[in-house]
Amino acid sequence: MNEELVQRIVDQCVVKRERHGTTVDVLQSRKFAELIVRECMDVVRDINQEYGGGSTVVNAAQEIAEHFGIEE
C-alpha cells in the first residue's frame, strides 16, 4: 500500500475535537471515503491520458463517480 498517499488523505480528514476535557483526533470517514474514490478517478484519468484518450477509460472515471455518488 502507498503509505504516503494514505497519510496525505488521512491528514485531510482528521479534525480535533474536545471530549471530556481532552483533545482527540477524529477521522471524518465519509470525507476519507470520498477522497479515496476521487483518487481512483484520478488514476483512471491518468491512464486515459497516457494511452491516448480512449472513451472506455473516460467513461470508467464517470462510472466510478456515479456509482459512489461523487459530484465532479
Protein backbone atom coordinates (compact mmCIF):
# COMPACT_ATOMS: atom_id res chain seq x y z
CA MET A 1 0.00 0.00 0.00
CA ASN A 2 1.16 3.51 -0.75
CA GLU A 3 1.55 4.74 2.83
CA GLU A 4 2.46 8.27 1.76
CA LEU A 5 -0.76 8.57 -0.23
CA VAL A 6 -2.85 7.16 2.61
CA GLN A 7 -1.26 9.54 5.11
CA ARG A 8 -1.88 12.52 2.82
CA ILE A 9 -5.55 11.59 2.58
CA VAL A 10 -5.86 10.92 6.33
CA ASP A 11 -4.30 14.31 7.07
CA GLN A 12 -7.12 15.96 5.11
CA CYS A 13 -9.76 14.06 7.07
CA VAL A 14 -8.71 14.40 10.70
CA VAL A 15 -10.25 17.08 12.88
CA LYS A 16 -9.57 17.96 16.51
CA ARG A 17 -12.48 17.55 18.95
CA GLU A 18 -12.85 18.16 22.64
CA ARG A 19 -14.03 15.09 24.54
CA HIS A 20 -14.32 15.12 28.31
CA GLY A 21 -11.65 17.80 28.65
CA THR A 22 -9.24 16.09 26.25
CA THR A 23 -8.48 16.95 22.64
CA VAL A 24 -8.73 13.95 20.34
CA ASP A 25 -8.24 13.41 16.61
CA VAL A 26 -11.39 12.23 14.83
CA LEU A 27 -11.30 10.76 11.33
CA GLN A 28 -14.14 12.00 9.13
CA SER A 29 -14.88 8.66 7.48
CA ARG A 30 -17.21 9.98 4.76
CA LYS A 31 -14.62 12.51 3.64
CA PHE A 32 -11.93 9.80 3.74
CA ALA A 33 -14.05 7.53 1.54
CA GLU A 34 -14.75 10.35 -0.92
CA LEU A 35 -11.07 11.20 -1.24
CA ILE A 36 -10.23 7.52 -1.90
CA VAL A 37 -12.87 7.43 -4.67
CA ARG A 38 -11.54 10.66 -6.15
CA GLU A 39 -8.03 9.21 -6.11
CA CYS A 40 -9.32 6.19 -8.08
CA MET A 41 -10.95 8.52 -10.59
CA ASP A 42 -7.65 10.40 -10.99
CA VAL A 43 -5.81 7.13 -11.67
CA VAL A 44 -8.30 6.28 -14.42
CA ARG A 45 -7.89 9.75 -15.94
CA ASP A 46 -4.08 9.44 -15.83
CA ILE A 47 -4.28 6.11 -17.64
CA ASN A 48 -6.59 7.71 -20.19
CA GLN A 49 -4.07 10.47 -20.92
CA GLU A 50 -1.19 8.01 -21.08
CA TYR A 51 -2.95 5.81 -23.63
CA GLY A 52 -4.38 8.50 -25.84
CA GLY A 53 -7.85 9.25 -24.53
CA GLY A 54 -9.91 6.17 -25.28
CA SER A 55 -13.57 6.66 -24.42
CA THR A 56 -13.77 3.44 -22.37
CA VAL A 57 -11.36 4.81 -19.78
CA VAL A 58 -13.06 8.21 -19.71
CA ASN A 59 -16.38 6.50 -19.07
CA ALA A 60 -14.80 4.42 -16.30
CA ALA A 61 -13.98 7.55 -14.29
CA GLN A 62 -17.54 8.83 -14.73
CA GLU A 63 -18.98 5.42 -13.78
CA ILE A 64 -16.89 5.42 -10.59
CA ALA A 65 -18.17 8.90 -9.72
CA GLU A 66 -21.80 7.96 -10.36
CA HIS A 67 -21.55 4.65 -8.52
CA PHE A 68 -20.28 6.33 -5.36
CA GLY A 69 -22.43 9.45 -5.74
CA ILE A 70 -19.47 11.81 -6.14
CA GLU A 71 -20.06 15.08 -7.96
CA GLU A 72 -17.17 16.31 -10.02
